[in-house]
Amino acid sequence: MAKDNNEINLQVINLIAKGTRITGDINSDGDLRVDGEISGNLESRGRLVIGASGKIVGDISCKSCEIAGAHQGKIFVAELLSLKASSNVTGDITTGKLSIEPGAYFKGTCTMSDENPL
């Protein structure tokens, strides 16, 4: 069966590659992976992944988030925030659920909340 060219793929994943630097706010309806650097606030209605080489300086608001890189600023996650062993997070967190692997660095406060930030 032929694929309909008018069909929209709702599973869009945006990638900010290693070596890319962005200054300014980012808003996305889809999932986002950051392996580069962002200086600015980020809002996503999907999942955010900050890879081991990724760095964000600014506030984050998203549905779910996995951090293996660095972040400075406030984090608002509606569902699950996962801090990997290589993560370095400085700032206050508000999330529905939190997972922290041994070795992760976190400095700030954490509030568990069912409120949806989006």
C-alpha atoms as a PDB file:
ATOM      1  CA  MET A   1       0.000   0.000   0.000  1.00  0.00           C
ATOM      2  CA  ALA A   2       1.335   3.417  -0.941  1.00  0.00           C
ATOM      3  CA  LYS A   3       2.014   5.963   1.767  1.00  0.00           C
ATOM      4  CA  ASP A   4      -0.245   8.998   1.668  1.00  0.00           C
ATOM      5  CA  ASN A   5       1.899  12.126   1.177  1.00  0.00           C
ATOM      6  CA  ASN A   6      -0.667  14.189   3.077  1.00  0.00           C
ATOM      7  CA  GLU A   7      -0.258  12.070   6.212  1.00  0.00           C
ATOM      8  CA  ILE A   8       1.246  14.064   9.078  1.00  0.00           C
ATOM      9  CA  ASN A   9       3.721  12.355  11.395  1.00  0.00           C
ATOM     10  CA  LEU A  10       2.938  13.559  14.919  1.00  0.00           C
ATOM     11  CA  GLN A  11       6.063  11.881  16.361  1.00  0.00           C
ATOM     12  CA  VAL A  12       8.369  14.733  15.364  1.00  0.00           C
ATOM     13  CA  ILE A  13      11.755  14.714  17.107  1.00  0.00           C
ATOM     14  CA  ASN A  14      13.785  17.903  16.918  1.00  0.00           C
ATOM     15  CA  LEU A  15      17.560  17.617  17.326  1.00  0.00           C
ATOM     16  CA  ILE A  16      20.030  20.286  18.383  1.00  0.00           C
ATOM     17  CA  ALA A  17      23.323  18.625  17.515  1.00  0.00           C
ATOM     18  CA  LYS A  18      26.646  18.759  19.347  1.00  0.00           C
ATOM     19  CA  GLY A  19      28.568  21.874  18.300  1.00  0.00           C
ATOM     20  CA  THR A  20      25.368  23.903  17.798  1.00  0.00           C
ATOM     21  CA  ARG A  21      24.797  26.937  20.047  1.00  0.00           C
ATOM     22  CA  ILE A  22      21.428  28.675  20.242  1.00  0.00           C
ATOM     23  CA  THR A  23      20.675  31.902  22.087  1.00  0.00           C
ATOM     24  CA  GLY A  24      16.968  32.596  22.574  1.00  0.00           C
ATOM     25  CA  ASP A  25      13.772  30.907  23.716  1.00  0.00           C
ATOM     26  CA  ILE A  26      12.525  27.696  22.080  1.00  0.00           C
ATOM     27  CA  ASN A  27       8.914  26.449  21.918  1.00  0.00           C
ATOM     28  CA  SER A  28       8.095  23.025  20.484  1.00  0.00           C
ATOM     29  CA  ASP A  29       4.986  20.860  20.182  1.00  0.00           C
ATOM     30  CA  GLY A  30       7.123  17.768  19.532  1.00  0.00           C
ATOM     31  CA  ASP A  31       9.906  15.903  21.296  1.00  0.00           C
ATOM     32  CA  LEU A  32      13.317  17.551  21.520  1.00  0.00           C
ATOM     33  CA  ARG A  33      16.866  16.230  21.967  1.00  0.00           C
ATOM     34  CA  VAL A  34      19.679  18.635  22.879  1.00  0.00           C
ATOM     35  CA  ASP A  35      23.295  17.586  22.374  1.00  0.00           C
ATOM     36  CA  GLY A  36      24.454  21.170  21.774  1.00  0.00           C
ATOM     37  CA  GLU A  37      24.046  24.310  23.901  1.00  0.00           C
ATOM     38  CA  ILE A  38      21.028  26.550  24.522  1.00  0.00           C
ATOM     39  CA  SER A  39      21.021  29.869  26.368  1.00  0.00           C
ATOM     40  CA  GLY A  40      17.344  30.661  26.836  1.00  0.00           C
ATOM     41  CA  ASN A  41      14.084  29.195  28.063  1.00  0.00           C
ATOM     42  CA  LEU A  42      12.721  26.002  26.527  1.00  0.00           C
ATOM     43  CA  GLU A  43       9.096  24.854  26.431  1.00  0.00           C
ATOM     44  CA  SER A  44       7.999  21.544  24.928  1.00  0.00           C
ATOM     45  CA  ARG A  45       4.650  19.784  24.969  1.00  0.00           C
ATOM     46  CA  GLY A  46       6.568  16.544  24.439  1.00  0.00           C
ATOM     47  CA  ARG A  47       9.625  14.799  25.840  1.00  0.00           C
ATOM     48  CA  LEU A  48      12.950  16.580  26.298  1.00  0.00           C
ATOM     49  CA  VAL A  49      16.285  14.749  26.336  1.00  0.00           C
ATOM     50  CA  ILE A  50      19.497  16.570  27.225  1.00  0.00           C
ATOM     51  CA  GLY A  51      22.330  14.317  26.040  1.00  0.00           C
ATOM     52  CA  ALA A  52      25.673  13.949  27.832  1.00  0.00           C
ATOM     53  CA  SER A  53      27.192  16.757  25.723  1.00  0.00           C
ATOM     54  CA  GLY A  54      24.074  18.944  25.992  1.00  0.00           C
ATOM     55  CA  LYS A  55      23.811  22.095  28.093  1.00  0.00           C
ATOM     56  CA  ILE A  56      20.862  24.400  28.770  1.00  0.00           C
ATOM     57  CA  VAL A  57      21.050  27.657  30.724  1.00  0.00           C
ATOM     58  CA  GLY A  58      17.464  28.819  31.241  1.00  0.00           C
ATOM     59  CA  ASP A  59      14.105  27.570  32.471  1.00  0.00           C
ATOM     60  CA  ILE A  60      12.629  24.328  31.136  1.00  0.00           C
ATOM     61  CA  SER A  61       8.947  23.399  30.929  1.00  0.00           C
ATOM     62  CA  CYS A  62       7.980  20.056  29.363  1.00  0.00           C
ATOM     63  CA  LYS A  63       5.884  16.884  29.618  1.00  0.00           C
ATOM     64  CA  SER A  64       8.779  14.559  30.520  1.00  0.00           C
ATOM     65  CA  CYS A  65      12.536  15.007  30.678  1.00  0.00           C
ATOM     66  CA  GLU A  66      15.744  12.973  30.787  1.00  0.00           C
ATOM     67  CA  ILE A  67      18.980  14.783  31.634  1.00  0.00           C
ATOM     68  CA  ALA A  68      22.440  13.295  31.060  1.00  0.00           C
ATOM     69  CA  GLY A  69      24.162  16.649  30.462  1.00  0.00           C
ATOM     70  CA  ALA A  70      24.070  20.019  32.250  1.00  0.00           C
ATOM     71  CA  HIS A  71      21.267  22.405  33.157  1.00  0.00           C
ATOM     72  CA  GLN A  72      21.119  25.685  35.082  1.00  0.00           C
ATOM     73  CA  GLY A  73      17.689  27.159  35.823  1.00  0.00           C
ATOM     74  CA  LYS A  74      14.221  26.118  36.917  1.00  0.00           C
ATOM     75  CA  ILE A  75      12.684  22.873  35.674  1.00  0.00           C
ATOM     76  CA  PHE A  76       8.925  22.232  35.428  1.00  0.00           C
ATOM     77  CA  VAL A  77       8.085  18.654  34.333  1.00  0.00           C
ATOM     78  CA  ALA A  78       4.471  17.438  34.234  1.00  0.00           C
ATOM     79  CA  GLU A  79       5.280  13.729  34.420  1.00  0.00           C
ATOM     80  CA  LEU A  80       8.723  12.119  34.971  1.00  0.00           C
ATOM     81  CA  LEU A  81      12.109  13.821  35.363  1.00  0.00           C
ATOM     82  CA  SER A  82      15.042  11.417  35.120  1.00  0.00           C
ATOM     83  CA  LEU A  83      18.544  12.551  36.151  1.00  0.00           C
ATOM     84  CA  LYS A  84      21.202  10.231  34.732  1.00  0.00           C
ATOM     85  CA  ALA A  85      24.538   9.523  36.463  1.00  0.00           C
ATOM     86  CA  SER A  86      26.379  12.024  34.230  1.00  0.00           C
ATOM     87  CA  SER A  87      23.908  14.873  34.835  1.00  0.00           C
ATOM     88  CA  ASN A  88      24.794  18.195  36.471  1.00  0.00           C
ATOM     89  CA  VAL A  89      21.679  20.170  37.472  1.00  0.00           C
ATOM     90  CA  THR A  90      21.602  23.471  39.356  1.00  0.00           C
ATOM     91  CA  GLY A  91      18.201  25.023  40.059  1.00  0.00           C
ATOM     92  CA  ASP A  92      14.772  24.359  41.481  1.00  0.00           C
ATOM     93  CA  ILE A  93      12.688  21.451  40.226  1.00  0.00           C
ATOM     94  CA  THR A  94       8.911  20.975  40.130  1.00  0.00           C
ATOM     95  CA  THR A  95       7.873  17.559  38.815  1.00  0.00           C
ATOM     96  CA  GLY A  96       5.268  14.830  39.090  1.00  0.00           C
ATOM     97  CA  LYS A  97       7.857  12.057  39.551  1.00  0.00           C
ATOM     98  CA  LEU A  98      11.642  12.114  39.998  1.00  0.00           C
ATOM     99  CA  SER A  99      14.296   9.483  39.271  1.00  0.00           C
ATOM    100  CA  ILE A 100      17.932  10.127  40.205  1.00  0.00           C
ATOM    101  CA  GLU A 101      20.732   7.701  39.327  1.00  0.00           C
ATOM    102  CA  PRO A 102      23.742   7.379  41.667  1.00  0.00           C
ATOM    103  CA  GLY A 103      26.441   9.825  40.570  1.00  0.00           C
ATOM    104  CA  ALA A 104      24.031  12.545  39.396  1.00  0.00           C
ATOM    105  CA  TYR A 105      24.722  16.058  40.736  1.00  0.00           C
ATOM    106  CA  PHE A 106      21.756  18.185  41.822  1.00  0.00           C
ATOM    107  CA  LYS A 107      21.826  21.481  43.716  1.00  0.00           C
ATOM    108  CA  GLY A 108      18.503  23.170  44.468  1.00  0.00           C
ATOM    109  CA  THR A 109      15.052  22.312  45.770  1.00  0.00           C
ATOM    110  CA  CYS A 110      12.554  19.769  44.500  1.00  0.00           C
ATOM    111  CA  THR A 111       8.775  19.970  44.785  1.00  0.00           C
ATOM    112  CA  MET A 112       6.559  17.045  43.814  1.00  0.00           C
ATOM    113  CA  SER A 113       3.378  18.346  42.177  1.00  0.00           C
ATOM    114  CA  ASP A 114       0.508  17.034  40.075  1.00  0.00           C
ATOM    115  CA  GLU A 115       0.008  20.457  38.491  1.00  0.00           C
ATOM    116  CA  ASN A 116       0.654  20.530  34.778  1.00  0.00           C
ATOM    117  CA  PRO A 117       3.037  23.398  33.891  1.00  0.00           C
ATOM    118  CA  LEU A 118       1.992  23.421  30.220  1.00  0.00           C
END
